[in-house]
Amino acid sequence: MNDYRIAYVTEGDKTTIELIRENVCVTKQYKEIRRISASNLRALCVRQDWYTAGDNDEYGHLLYDLAQDKESLSTADIIEIAADIMAHSELDDDCTIESVAFEVARIADVFFEEA
């Protein structure tokens, strides 16, 4: 296991955090990438007993077109996945799109790369 530590240093009146902000956060741009694999989304649907009212073509559309084949999922993409799940599931009356979207977002692989 890597043990990363930032030693508290000062350079004049600047703290470590200020130096990091200047040298990393300000000079480089980063973007967040979110991806969901078809197998992870399928496992979520099975675990939650979702997508029981869709046929194979509709399920394939969910798993591949709406999820796995996306370069990076936006918030709108996650809401679209949640809406598709809700449209093809028999859910309790108190189930909301926000709660389904939350569960979908939880299975996303999230990483950051330099823009």
PDB file of N, CA and C in Angstrom:
ATOM      1  N   MET A   1       0.835  -1.169   0.000  1.00  0.00           N
ATOM      2  CA  MET A   1       0.000   0.000   0.000  1.00  0.00           C
ATOM      3  C   MET A   1       0.883   1.237   0.000  1.00  0.00           C
ATOM      4  N   ASN A   2       0.547   2.181  -0.848  1.00  0.00           N
ATOM      5  CA  ASN A   2       1.307   3.422  -0.896  1.00  0.00           C
ATOM      6  C   ASN A   2       0.929   4.309   0.279  1.00  0.00           C
ATOM      7  N   ASP A   3       1.922   4.954   0.819  1.00  0.00           N
ATOM      8  CA  ASP A   3       1.682   5.854   1.939  1.00  0.00           C
ATOM      9  C   ASP A   3       2.103   7.248   1.506  1.00  0.00           C
ATOM     10  N   TYR A   4       1.132   7.996   0.977  1.00  0.00           N
ATOM     11  CA  TYR A   4       1.423   9.333   0.508  1.00  0.00           C
ATOM     12  C   TYR A   4       1.212  10.322   1.642  1.00  0.00           C
ATOM     13  N   ARG A   5       2.169  11.168   1.836  1.00  0.00           N
ATOM     14  CA  ARG A   5       2.068  12.180   2.876  1.00  0.00           C
ATOM     15  C   ARG A   5       2.571  13.504   2.316  1.00  0.00           C
ATOM     16  N   ILE A   6       1.965  14.557   2.753  1.00  0.00           N
ATOM     17  CA  ILE A   6       2.422  15.881   2.379  1.00  0.00           C
ATOM     18  C   ILE A   6       2.972  16.521   3.636  1.00  0.00           C
ATOM     19  N   ALA A   7       4.236  16.789   3.586  1.00  0.00           N
ATOM     20  CA  ALA A   7       4.863  17.429   4.739  1.00  0.00           C
ATOM     21  C   ALA A   7       4.464  18.898   4.759  1.00  0.00           C
ATOM     22  N   TYR A   8       4.265  19.424   5.925  1.00  0.00           N
ATOM     23  CA  TYR A   8       3.911  20.832   6.064  1.00  0.00           C
ATOM     24  C   TYR A   8       5.186  21.645   5.898  1.00  0.00           C
ATOM     25  N   VAL A   9       5.208  22.416   4.849  1.00  0.00           N
ATOM     26  CA  VAL A   9       6.372  23.262   4.594  1.00  0.00           C
ATOM     27  C   VAL A   9       5.884  24.675   4.327  1.00  0.00           C
ATOM     28  N   THR A  10       6.763  25.592   4.454  1.00  0.00           N
ATOM     29  CA  THR A  10       6.420  26.967   4.094  1.00  0.00           C
ATOM     30  C   THR A  10       7.497  27.512   3.185  1.00  0.00           C
ATOM     31  N   GLU A  11       7.086  28.367   2.310  1.00  0.00           N
ATOM     32  CA  GLU A  11       8.013  29.048   1.425  1.00  0.00           C
ATOM     33  C   GLU A  11       7.643  30.520   1.541  1.00  0.00           C
ATOM     34  N   GLY A  12       8.371  31.210   2.344  1.00  0.00           N
ATOM     35  CA  GLY A  12       7.965  32.581   2.654  1.00  0.00           C
ATOM     36  C   GLY A  12       6.717  32.521   3.512  1.00  0.00           C
ATOM     37  N   ASP A  13       5.660  33.124   3.044  1.00  0.00           N
ATOM     38  CA  ASP A  13       4.398  33.107   3.780  1.00  0.00           C
ATOM     39  C   ASP A  13       3.412  32.074   3.235  1.00  0.00           C
ATOM     40  N   LYS A  14       3.854  31.207   2.322  1.00  0.00           N
ATOM     41  CA  LYS A  14       2.950  30.252   1.692  1.00  0.00           C
ATOM     42  C   LYS A  14       3.003  28.896   2.388  1.00  0.00           C
ATOM     43  N   THR A  15       1.825  28.306   2.593  1.00  0.00           N
ATOM     44  CA  THR A  15       1.743  26.980   3.192  1.00  0.00           C
ATOM     45  C   THR A  15       1.801  25.925   2.088  1.00  0.00           C
ATOM     46  N   THR A  16       1.867  24.676   2.478  1.00  0.00           N
ATOM     47  CA  THR A  16       1.902  23.560   1.539  1.00  0.00           C
ATOM     48  C   THR A  16       0.682  23.583   0.627  1.00  0.00           C
ATOM     49  N   ILE A  17      -0.474  23.787   1.184  1.00  0.00           N
ATOM     50  CA  ILE A  17      -1.705  23.794   0.394  1.00  0.00           C
ATOM     51  C   ILE A  17      -1.667  24.915  -0.644  1.00  0.00           C
ATOM     52  N   GLU A  18      -1.212  26.068  -0.261  1.00  0.00           N
ATOM     53  CA  GLU A  18      -1.121  27.185  -1.206  1.00  0.00           C
ATOM     54  C   GLU A  18      -0.136  26.875  -2.328  1.00  0.00           C
ATOM     55  N   LEU A  19       0.978  26.244  -1.993  1.00  0.00           N
ATOM     56  CA  LEU A  19       1.952  25.871  -3.010  1.00  0.00           C
ATOM     57  C   LEU A  19       1.379  24.834  -3.973  1.00  0.00           C
ATOM     58  N   ILE A  20       0.631  23.868  -3.450  1.00  0.00           N
ATOM     59  CA  ILE A  20       0.001  22.855  -4.302  1.00  0.00           C
ATOM     60  C   ILE A  20      -1.007  23.516  -5.230  1.00  0.00           C
ATOM     61  N   ARG A  21      -1.835  24.405  -4.696  1.00  0.00           N
ATOM     62  CA  ARG A  21      -2.805  25.110  -5.530  1.00  0.00           C
ATOM     63  C   ARG A  21      -2.126  25.847  -6.675  1.00  0.00           C
ATOM     64  N   GLU A  22      -1.049  26.521  -6.376  1.00  0.00           N
ATOM     65  CA  GLU A  22      -0.345  27.291  -7.404  1.00  0.00           C
ATOM     66  C   GLU A  22       0.315  26.396  -8.445  1.00  0.00           C
ATOM     67  N   ASN A  23       0.929  25.301  -8.012  1.00  0.00           N
ATOM     68  CA  ASN A  23       1.735  24.479  -8.907  1.00  0.00           C
ATOM     69  C   ASN A  23       0.967  23.363  -9.608  1.00  0.00           C
ATOM     70  N   VAL A  24      -0.154  22.954  -9.054  1.00  0.00           N
ATOM     71  CA  VAL A  24      -0.909  21.856  -9.657  1.00  0.00           C
ATOM     72  C   VAL A  24      -2.293  22.318 -10.084  1.00  0.00           C
ATOM     73  N   CYS A  25      -3.061  22.808  -9.151  1.00  0.00           N
ATOM     74  CA  CYS A  25      -4.466  23.112  -9.414  1.00  0.00           C
ATOM     75  C   CYS A  25      -4.656  24.251 -10.393  1.00  0.00           C
ATOM     76  N   VAL A  26      -3.816  25.235 -10.359  1.00  0.00           N
ATOM     77  CA  VAL A  26      -3.989  26.404 -11.215  1.00  0.00           C
ATOM     78  C   VAL A  26      -3.351  26.194 -12.574  1.00  0.00           C
ATOM     79  N   THR A  27      -2.219  25.541 -12.609  1.00  0.00           N
ATOM     80  CA  THR A  27      -1.503  25.414 -13.872  1.00  0.00           C
ATOM     81  C   THR A  27      -2.002  24.254 -14.727  1.00  0.00           C
ATOM     82  N   LYS A  28      -2.688  23.284 -14.168  1.00  0.00           N
ATOM     83  CA  LYS A  28      -3.183  22.140 -14.918  1.00  0.00           C
ATOM     84  C   LYS A  28      -4.700  22.074 -14.808  1.00  0.00           C
ATOM     85  N   GLN A  29      -5.326  21.618 -15.869  1.00  0.00           N
ATOM     86  CA  GLN A  29      -6.764  21.423 -15.891  1.00  0.00           C
ATOM     87  C   GLN A  29      -7.058  19.920 -15.859  1.00  0.00           C
ATOM     88  N   TYR A  30      -8.072  19.540 -15.124  1.00  0.00           N
ATOM     89  CA  TYR A  30      -8.444  18.138 -15.003  1.00  0.00           C
ATOM     90  C   TYR A  30      -9.913  17.958 -15.348  1.00  0.00           C
ATOM     91  N   LYS A  31     -10.237  16.747 -15.768  1.00  0.00           N
ATOM     92  CA  LYS A  31     -11.636  16.427 -16.005  1.00  0.00           C
ATOM     93  C   LYS A  31     -11.973  15.104 -15.332  1.00  0.00           C
ATOM     94  N   GLU A  32     -13.222  14.997 -14.926  1.00  0.00           N
ATOM     95  CA  GLU A  32     -13.724  13.793 -14.287  1.00  0.00           C
ATOM     96  C   GLU A  32     -14.329  12.892 -15.360  1.00  0.00           C
ATOM     97  N   ILE A  33     -13.991  11.624 -15.313  1.00  0.00           N
ATOM     98  CA  ILE A  33     -14.518  10.628 -16.231  1.00  0.00           C
ATOM     99  C   ILE A  33     -15.332   9.636 -15.412  1.00  0.00           C
ATOM    100  N   ARG A  34     -16.570   9.382 -15.844  1.00  0.00           N
ATOM    101  CA  ARG A  34     -17.427   8.387 -15.189  1.00  0.00           C
ATOM    102  C   ARG A  34     -17.824   7.351 -16.224  1.00  0.00           C
ATOM    103  N   ARG A  35     -17.630   6.100 -15.874  1.00  0.00           N
ATOM    104  CA  ARG A  35     -18.014   5.002 -16.767  1.00  0.00           C
ATOM    105  C   ARG A  35     -18.725   3.925 -15.956  1.00  0.00           C
ATOM    106  N   ILE A  36     -19.640   3.257 -16.641  1.00  0.00           N
ATOM    107  CA  ILE A  36     -20.345   2.126 -16.030  1.00  0.00           C
ATOM    108  C   ILE A  36     -20.268   0.959 -17.003  1.00  0.00           C
ATOM    109  N   SER A  37     -19.796  -0.167 -16.531  1.00  0.00           N
ATOM    110  CA  SER A  37     -19.745  -1.355 -17.383  1.00  0.00           C
ATOM    111  C   SER A  37     -21.126  -1.999 -17.434  1.00  0.00           C
ATOM    112  N   ALA A  38     -21.381  -2.677 -18.542  1.00  0.00           N
ATOM    113  CA  ALA A  38     -22.650  -3.388 -18.692  1.00  0.00           C
ATOM    114  C   ALA A  38     -22.815  -4.431 -17.588  1.00  0.00           C
ATOM    115  N   SER A  39     -21.736  -5.112 -17.234  1.00  0.00           N
ATOM    116  CA  SER A  39     -21.843  -6.163 -16.210  1.00  0.00           C
ATOM    117  C   SER A  39     -22.171  -5.580 -14.837  1.00  0.00           C
ATOM    118  N   ASN A  40     -21.613  -4.424 -14.505  1.00  0.00           N
ATOM    119  CA  ASN A  40     -21.937  -3.804 -13.215  1.00  0.00           C
ATOM    120  C   ASN A  40     -23.372  -3.294 -13.185  1.00  0.00           C
ATOM    121  N   LEU A  41     -23.842  -2.736 -14.297  1.00  0.00           N
ATOM    122  CA  LEU A  41     -25.227  -2.266 -14.350  1.00  0.00           C
ATOM    123  C   LEU A  41     -26.192  -3.438 -14.308  1.00  0.00           C
ATOM    124  N   ARG A  42     -25.850  -4.508 -15.001  1.00  0.00           N
ATOM    125  CA  ARG A  42     -26.690  -5.714 -14.945  1.00  0.00           C
ATOM    126  C   ARG A  42     -26.760  -6.255 -13.517  1.00  0.00           C
ATOM    127  N   ALA A  43     -25.612  -6.322 -12.843  1.00  0.00           N
ATOM    128  CA  ALA A  43     -25.587  -6.818 -11.459  1.00  0.00           C
ATOM    129  C   ALA A  43     -26.441  -5.939 -10.548  1.00  0.00           C
ATOM    130  N   LEU A  44     -26.397  -4.625 -10.751  1.00  0.00           N
ATOM    131  CA  LEU A  44     -27.230  -3.719  -9.956  1.00  0.00           C
ATOM    132  C   LEU A  44     -28.706  -4.003 -10.197  1.00  0.00           C
ATOM    133  N   CYS A  45     -29.084  -4.165 -11.456  1.00  0.00           N
ATOM    134  CA  CYS A  45     -30.494  -4.445 -11.777  1.00  0.00           C
ATOM    135  C   CYS A  45     -30.948  -5.764 -11.165  1.00  0.00           C
ATOM    136  N   VAL A  46     -30.112  -6.768 -11.212  1.00  0.00           N
ATOM    137  CA  VAL A  46     -30.459  -8.068 -10.615  1.00  0.00           C
ATOM    138  C   VAL A  46     -30.594  -7.927  -9.104  1.00  0.00           C
ATOM    139  N   ARG A  47     -29.622  -7.268  -8.485  1.00  0.00           N
ATOM    140  CA  ARG A  47     -29.624  -7.095  -7.028  1.00  0.00           C
ATOM    141  C   ARG A  47     -30.852  -6.319  -6.553  1.00  0.00           C
ATOM    142  N   GLN A  48     -31.269  -5.313  -7.313  1.00  0.00           N
ATOM    143  CA  GLN A  48     -32.397  -4.467  -6.924  1.00  0.00           C
ATOM    144  C   GLN A  48     -33.738  -4.979  -7.460  1.00  0.00           C
ATOM    145  N   ASP A  49     -33.703  -6.052  -8.233  1.00  0.00           N
ATOM    146  CA  ASP A  49     -34.900  -6.591  -8.887  1.00  0.00           C
ATOM    147  C   ASP A  49     -35.516  -5.551  -9.825  1.00  0.00           C
ATOM    148  N   TRP A  50     -34.654  -4.885 -10.591  1.00  0.00           N
ATOM    149  CA  TRP A  50     -35.070  -3.873 -11.557  1.00  0.00           C
ATOM    150  C   TRP A  50     -35.061  -4.463 -12.957  1.00  0.00           C
ATOM    151  N   TYR A  51     -35.690  -3.782 -13.875  1.00  0.00           N
ATOM    152  CA  TYR A  51     -35.745  -4.082 -15.300  1.00  0.00           C
ATOM    153  C   TYR A  51     -36.384  -5.440 -15.557  1.00  0.00           C
ATOM    154  N   THR A  52     -37.431  -5.714 -14.827  1.00  0.00           N
ATOM    155  CA  THR A  52     -38.139  -6.989 -14.994  1.00  0.00           C
ATOM    156  C   THR A  52     -39.231  -6.901 -16.053  1.00  0.00           C
ATOM    157  N   ALA A  53     -39.494  -5.705 -16.579  1.00  0.00           N
ATOM    158  CA  ALA A  53     -40.560  -5.532 -17.571  1.00  0.00           C
ATOM    159  C   ALA A  53     -40.015  -5.157 -18.950  1.00  0.00           C
ATOM    160  N   GLY A  54     -38.726  -5.325 -19.168  1.00  0.00           N
ATOM    161  CA  GLY A  54     -38.136  -5.004 -20.469  1.00  0.00           C
ATOM    162  C   GLY A  54     -37.767  -6.258 -21.231  1.00  0.00           C
ATOM    163  N   ASP A  55     -37.768  -6.153 -22.554  1.00  0.00           N
ATOM    164  CA  ASP A  55     -37.350  -7.305 -23.356  1.00  0.00           C
ATOM    165  C   ASP A  55     -35.831  -7.240 -23.596  1.00  0.00           C
ATOM    166  N   ASN A  56     -35.297  -8.208 -24.322  1.00  0.00           N
ATOM    167  CA  ASN A  56     -33.846  -8.289 -24.537  1.00  0.00           C
ATOM    168  C   ASN A  56     -33.297  -7.078 -25.279  1.00  0.00           C
ATOM    169  N   ASP A  57     -34.008  -6.605 -26.283  1.00  0.00           N
ATOM    170  CA  ASP A  57     -33.543  -5.432 -27.031  1.00  0.00           C
ATOM    171  C   ASP A  57     -33.505  -4.193 -26.143  1.00  0.00           C
ATOM    172  N   GLU A  58     -34.527  -4.003 -25.336  1.00  0.00           N
ATOM    173  CA  GLU A  58     -34.574  -2.851 -24.424  1.00  0.00           C
ATOM    174  C   GLU A  58     -33.470  -2.943 -23.373  1.00  0.00           C
ATOM    175  N   TYR A  59     -33.259  -4.154 -22.874  1.00  0.00           N
ATOM    176  CA  TYR A  59     -32.204  -4.358 -21.870  1.00  0.00           C
ATOM    177  C   TYR A  59     -30.819  -4.096 -22.484  1.00  0.00           C
ATOM    178  N   GLY A  60     -30.619  -4.573 -23.692  1.00  0.00           N
ATOM    179  CA  GLY A  60     -29.361  -4.319 -24.388  1.00  0.00           C
ATOM    180  C   GLY A  60     -29.142  -2.832 -24.620  1.00  0.00           C
ATOM    181  N   HIS A  61     -30.208  -2.113 -24.957  1.00  0.00           N
ATOM    182  CA  HIS A  61     -30.124  -0.656 -25.133  1.00  0.00           C
ATOM    183  C   HIS A  61     -29.664   0.010 -23.838  1.00  0.00           C
ATOM    184  N   LEU A  62     -30.241  -0.408 -22.717  1.00  0.00           N
ATOM    185  CA  LEU A  62     -29.834   0.136 -21.412  1.00  0.00           C
ATOM    186  C   LEU A  62     -28.365  -0.154 -21.142  1.00  0.00           C
ATOM    187  N   LEU A  63     -27.991  -1.412 -21.244  1.00  0.00           N
ATOM    188  CA  LEU A  63     -26.644  -1.828 -20.843  1.00  0.00           C
ATOM    189  C   LEU A  63     -25.550  -1.278 -21.737  1.00  0.00           C
ATOM    190  N   TYR A  64     -25.804  -1.223 -23.031  1.00  0.00           N
ATOM    191  CA  TYR A  64     -24.734  -0.843 -23.955  1.00  0.00           C
ATOM    192  C   TYR A  64     -24.879   0.590 -24.491  1.00  0.00           C
ATOM    193  N   ASP A  65     -26.027   0.923 -25.044  1.00  0.00           N
ATOM    194  CA  ASP A  65     -26.190   2.255 -25.641  1.00  0.00           C
ATOM    195  C   ASP A  65     -26.184   3.360 -24.588  1.00  0.00           C
ATOM    196  N   LEU A  66     -26.893   3.136 -23.485  1.00  0.00           N
ATOM    197  CA  LEU A  66     -26.997   4.183 -22.467  1.00  0.00           C
ATOM    198  C   LEU A  66     -25.854   4.165 -21.459  1.00  0.00           C
ATOM    199  N   ALA A  67     -25.176   3.049 -21.317  1.00  0.00           N
ATOM    200  CA  ALA A  67     -24.154   2.946 -20.264  1.00  0.00           C
ATOM    201  C   ALA A  67     -22.763   2.640 -20.819  1.00  0.00           C
ATOM    202  N   GLN A  68     -22.498   1.399 -21.108  1.00  0.00           N
ATOM    203  CA  GLN A  68     -21.127   0.960 -21.395  1.00  0.00           C
ATOM    204  C   GLN A  68     -20.468   1.668 -22.575  1.00  0.00           C
ATOM    205  N   ASP A  69     -21.214   1.981 -23.615  1.00  0.00           N
ATOM    206  CA  ASP A  69     -20.607   2.558 -24.811  1.00  0.00           C
ATOM    207  C   ASP A  69     -20.344   4.055 -24.707  1.00  0.00           C
ATOM    208  N   LYS A  70     -20.697   4.674 -23.603  1.00  0.00           N
ATOM    209  CA  LYS A  70     -20.465   6.112 -23.428  1.00  0.00           C
ATOM    210  C   LYS A  70     -19.019   6.358 -23.016  1.00  0.00           C
ATOM    211  N   GLU A  71     -18.413   7.355 -23.635  1.00  0.00           N
ATOM    212  CA  GLU A  71     -17.038   7.733 -23.306  1.00  0.00           C
ATOM    213  C   GLU A  71     -16.928   8.204 -21.856  1.00  0.00           C
ATOM    214  N   SER A  72     -17.882   9.034 -21.454  1.00  0.00           N
ATOM    215  CA  SER A  72     -17.944   9.535 -20.084  1.00  0.00           C
ATOM    216  C   SER A  72     -19.388   9.896 -19.789  1.00  0.00           C
ATOM    217  N   LEU A  73     -19.901   9.431 -18.667  1.00  0.00           N
ATOM    218  CA  LEU A  73     -21.297   9.670 -18.319  1.00  0.00           C
ATOM    219  C   LEU A  73     -21.470  11.023 -17.640  1.00  0.00           C
ATOM    220  N   SER A  74     -22.396  11.803 -18.148  1.00  0.00           N
ATOM    221  CA  SER A  74     -22.758  13.070 -17.517  1.00  0.00           C
ATOM    222  C   SER A  74     -23.877  12.816 -16.518  1.00  0.00           C
ATOM    223  N   THR A  75     -24.233  13.823 -15.771  1.00  0.00           N
ATOM    224  CA  THR A  75     -25.373  13.717 -14.865  1.00  0.00           C
ATOM    225  C   THR A  75     -26.632  13.399 -15.660  1.00  0.00           C
ATOM    226  N   ALA A  76     -26.798  14.047 -16.807  1.00  0.00           N
ATOM    227  CA  ALA A  76     -27.971  13.792 -17.653  1.00  0.00           C
ATOM    228  C   ALA A  76     -28.009  12.335 -18.116  1.00  0.00           C
ATOM    229  N   ASP A  77     -26.849  11.761 -18.417  1.00  0.00           N
ATOM    230  CA  ASP A  77     -26.787  10.351 -18.818  1.00  0.00           C
ATOM    231  C   ASP A  77     -27.252   9.434 -17.682  1.00  0.00           C
ATOM    232  N   ILE A  78     -26.832   9.738 -16.466  1.00  0.00           N
ATOM    233  CA  ILE A  78     -27.221   8.914 -15.314  1.00  0.00           C
ATOM    234  C   ILE A  78     -28.724   9.021 -15.077  1.00  0.00           C
ATOM    235  N   ILE A  79     -29.272  10.217 -15.223  1.00  0.00           N
ATOM    236  CA  ILE A  79     -30.725  10.387 -15.086  1.00  0.00           C
ATOM    237  C   ILE A  79     -31.447   9.616 -16.193  1.00  0.00           C
ATOM    238  N   GLU A  80     -30.919   9.632 -17.411  1.00  0.00           N
ATOM    239  CA  GLU A  80     -31.524   8.880 -18.513  1.00  0.00           C
ATOM    240  C   GLU A  80     -31.506   7.375 -18.228  1.00  0.00           C
ATOM    241  N   ILE A  81     -30.411   6.881 -17.685  1.00  0.00           N
ATOM    242  CA  ILE A  81     -30.331   5.461 -17.299  1.00  0.00           C
ATOM    243  C   ILE A  81     -31.366   5.154 -16.226  1.00  0.00           C
ATOM    244  N   ALA A  82     -31.451   6.005 -15.216  1.00  0.00           N
ATOM    245  CA  ALA A  82     -32.424   5.805 -14.135  1.00  0.00           C
ATOM    246  C   ALA A  82     -33.859   5.823 -14.668  1.00  0.00           C
ATOM    247  N   ALA A  83     -34.156   6.749 -15.579  1.00  0.00           N
ATOM    248  CA  ALA A  83     -35.498   6.835 -16.152  1.00  0.00           C
ATOM    249  C   ALA A  83     -35.834   5.578 -16.952  1.00  0.00           C
ATOM    250  N   ASP A  84     -34.859   5.062 -17.697  1.00  0.00           N
ATOM    251  CA  ASP A  84     -35.073   3.841 -18.466  1.00  0.00           C
ATOM    252  C   ASP A  84     -35.312   2.655 -17.543  1.00  0.00           C
ATOM    253  N   ILE A  85     -34.552   2.587 -16.462  1.00  0.00           N
ATOM    254  CA  ILE A  85     -34.762   1.518 -15.478  1.00  0.00           C
ATOM    255  C   ILE A  85     -36.171   1.610 -14.899  1.00  0.00           C
ATOM    256  N   MET A  86     -36.568   2.816 -14.528  1.00  0.00           N
ATOM    257  CA  MET A  86     -37.902   2.988 -13.932  1.00  0.00           C
ATOM    258  C   MET A  86     -39.016   2.623 -14.913  1.00  0.00           C
ATOM    259  N   ALA A  87     -38.819   2.957 -16.191  1.00  0.00           N
ATOM    260  CA  ALA A  87     -39.835   2.664 -17.204  1.00  0.00           C
ATOM    261  C   ALA A  87     -40.005   1.166 -17.448  1.00  0.00           C
ATOM    262  N   HIS A  88     -38.999   0.378 -17.083  1.00  0.00           N
ATOM    263  CA  HIS A  88     -39.038  -1.063 -17.332  1.00  0.00           C
ATOM    264  C   HIS A  88     -39.001  -1.882 -16.038  1.00  0.00           C
ATOM    265  N   SER A  89     -39.439  -1.277 -14.955  1.00  0.00           N
ATOM    266  CA  SER A  89     -39.405  -1.957 -13.654  1.00  0.00           C
ATOM    267  C   SER A  89     -40.726  -1.762 -12.931  1.00  0.00           C
ATOM    268  N   GLU A  90     -41.025  -2.708 -12.084  1.00  0.00           N
ATOM    269  CA  GLU A  90     -42.187  -2.581 -11.194  1.00  0.00           C
ATOM    270  C   GLU A  90     -41.645  -2.120  -9.848  1.00  0.00           C
ATOM    271  N   LEU A  91     -41.807  -0.825  -9.587  1.00  0.00           N
ATOM    272  CA  LEU A  91     -41.205  -0.211  -8.403  1.00  0.00           C
ATOM    273  C   LEU A  91     -42.264   0.177  -7.385  1.00  0.00           C
ATOM    274  N   ASP A  92     -41.841   0.294  -6.143  1.00  0.00           N
ATOM    275  CA  ASP A  92     -42.725   0.799  -5.101  1.00  0.00           C
ATOM    276  C   ASP A  92     -43.099   2.244  -5.414  1.00  0.00           C
ATOM    277  N   ASP A  93     -44.246   2.680  -4.909  1.00  0.00           N
ATOM    278  CA  ASP A  93     -44.716   4.039  -5.164  1.00  0.00           C
ATOM    279  C   ASP A  93     -43.771   5.102  -4.621  1.00  0.00           C
ATOM    280  N   ASP A  94     -43.013   4.778  -3.581  1.00  0.00           N
ATOM    281  CA  ASP A  94     -42.117   5.774  -2.980  1.00  0.00           C
ATOM    282  C   ASP A  94     -40.731   5.809  -3.643  1.00  0.00           C
ATOM    283  N   CYS A  95     -40.530   5.015  -4.680  1.00  0.00           N
ATOM    284  CA  CYS A  95     -39.250   5.012  -5.389  1.00  0.00           C
ATOM    285  C   CYS A  95     -39.188   6.235  -6.299  1.00  0.00           C
ATOM    286  N   THR A  96     -38.094   6.976  -6.215  1.00  0.00           N
ATOM    287  CA  THR A  96     -37.941   8.197  -7.000  1.00  0.00           C
ATOM    288  C   THR A  96     -36.808   8.047  -8.011  1.00  0.00           C
ATOM    289  N   ILE A  97     -36.825   8.892  -9.012  1.00  0.00           N
ATOM    290  CA  ILE A  97     -35.748   8.876  -9.996  1.00  0.00           C
ATOM    291  C   ILE A  97     -34.420   9.232  -9.341  1.00  0.00           C
ATOM    292  N   GLU A  98     -34.478  10.101  -8.325  1.00  0.00           N
ATOM    293  CA  GLU A  98     -33.247  10.472  -7.614  1.00  0.00           C
ATOM    294  C   GLU A  98     -32.634   9.275  -6.898  1.00  0.00           C
ATOM    295  N   SER A  99     -33.466   8.431  -6.300  1.00  0.00           N
ATOM    296  CA  SER A  99     -32.920   7.277  -5.579  1.00  0.00           C
ATOM    297  C   SER A  99     -32.347   6.244  -6.552  1.00  0.00           C
ATOM    298  N   VAL A 100     -32.992   6.060  -7.695  1.00  0.00           N
ATOM    299  CA  VAL A 100     -32.461   5.134  -8.699  1.00  0.00           C
ATOM    300  C   VAL A 100     -31.155   5.700  -9.275  1.00  0.00           C
ATOM    301  N   ALA A 101     -31.160   6.996  -9.596  1.00  0.00           N
ATOM    302  CA  ALA A 101     -29.950   7.630 -10.133  1.00  0.00           C
ATOM    303  C   ALA A 101     -28.797   7.544  -9.136  1.00  0.00           C
ATOM    304  N   PHE A 102     -29.089   7.699  -7.850  1.00  0.00           N
ATOM    305  CA  PHE A 102     -28.055   7.583  -6.821  1.00  0.00           C
ATOM    306  C   PHE A 102     -27.410   6.210  -6.858  1.00  0.00           C
ATOM    307  N   GLU A 103     -28.228   5.173  -6.952  1.00  0.00           N
ATOM    308  CA  GLU A 103     -27.689   3.810  -7.004  1.00  0.00           C
ATOM    309  C   GLU A 103     -26.886   3.582  -8.282  1.00  0.00           C
ATOM    310  N   VAL A 104     -27.349   4.126  -9.390  1.00  0.00           N
ATOM    311  CA  VAL A 104     -26.609   4.002 -10.653  1.00  0.00           C
ATOM    312  C   VAL A 104     -25.263   4.709 -10.536  1.00  0.00           C
ATOM    313  N   ALA A 105     -25.278   5.920 -10.004  1.00  0.00           N
ATOM    314  CA  ALA A 105     -24.029   6.691  -9.875  1.00  0.00           C
ATOM    315  C   ALA A 105     -23.030   5.992  -8.956  1.00  0.00           C
ATOM    316  N   ARG A 106     -23.523   5.281  -7.950  1.00  0.00           N
ATOM    317  CA  ARG A 106     -22.630   4.599  -7.008  1.00  0.00           C
ATOM    318  C   ARG A 106     -21.802   3.508  -7.661  1.00  0.00           C
ATOM    319  N   ILE A 107     -22.301   2.923  -8.752  1.00  0.00           N
ATOM    320  CA  ILE A 107     -21.537   1.833  -9.389  1.00  0.00           C
ATOM    321  C   ILE A 107     -20.592   2.347 -10.470  1.00  0.00           C
ATOM    322  N   ALA A 108     -20.625   3.637 -10.727  1.00  0.00           N
ATOM    323  CA  ALA A 108     -19.746   4.195 -11.763  1.00  0.00           C
ATOM    324  C   ALA A 108     -18.294   4.162 -11.310  1.00  0.00           C
ATOM    325  N   ASP A 109     -17.427   3.846 -12.253  1.00  0.00           N
ATOM    326  CA  ASP A 109     -15.992   3.982 -12.025  1.00  0.00           C
ATOM    327  C   ASP A 109     -15.656   5.430 -12.332  1.00  0.00           C
ATOM    328  N   VAL A 110     -15.047   6.102 -11.376  1.00  0.00           N
ATOM    329  CA  VAL A 110     -14.738   7.519 -11.535  1.00  0.00           C
ATOM    330  C   VAL A 110     -13.233   7.695 -11.446  1.00  0.00           C
ATOM    331  N   PHE A 111     -12.693   8.421 -12.414  1.00  0.00           N
ATOM    332  CA  PHE A 111     -11.272   8.749 -12.353  1.00  0.00           C
ATOM    333  C   PHE A 111     -11.065  10.110 -12.972  1.00  0.00           C
ATOM    334  N   PHE A 112      -9.895  10.642 -12.773  1.00  0.00           N
ATOM    335  CA  PHE A 112      -9.570  11.987 -13.225  1.00  0.00           C
ATOM    336  C   PHE A 112      -8.363  11.915 -14.139  1.00  0.00           C
ATOM    337  N   GLU A 113      -8.395  12.740 -15.162  1.00  0.00           N
ATOM    338  CA  GLU A 113      -7.244  12.828 -16.047  1.00  0.00           C
ATOM    339  C   GLU A 113      -7.019  14.273 -16.425  1.00  0.00           C
ATOM    340  N   GLU A 114      -5.797  14.530 -16.827  1.00  0.00           N
ATOM    341  CA  GLU A 114      -5.460  15.880 -17.236  1.00  0.00           C
ATOM    342  C   GLU A 114      -6.201  16.204 -18.529  1.00  0.00           C
ATOM    343  N   ALA A 115      -6.803  17.386 -18.560  1.00  0.00           N
ATOM    344  CA  ALA A 115      -7.568  17.794 -19.741  1.00  0.00           C
ATOM    345  C   ALA A 115      -6.666  18.218 -20.880  1.00  0.00           C
TER     346      ALA A 115
END
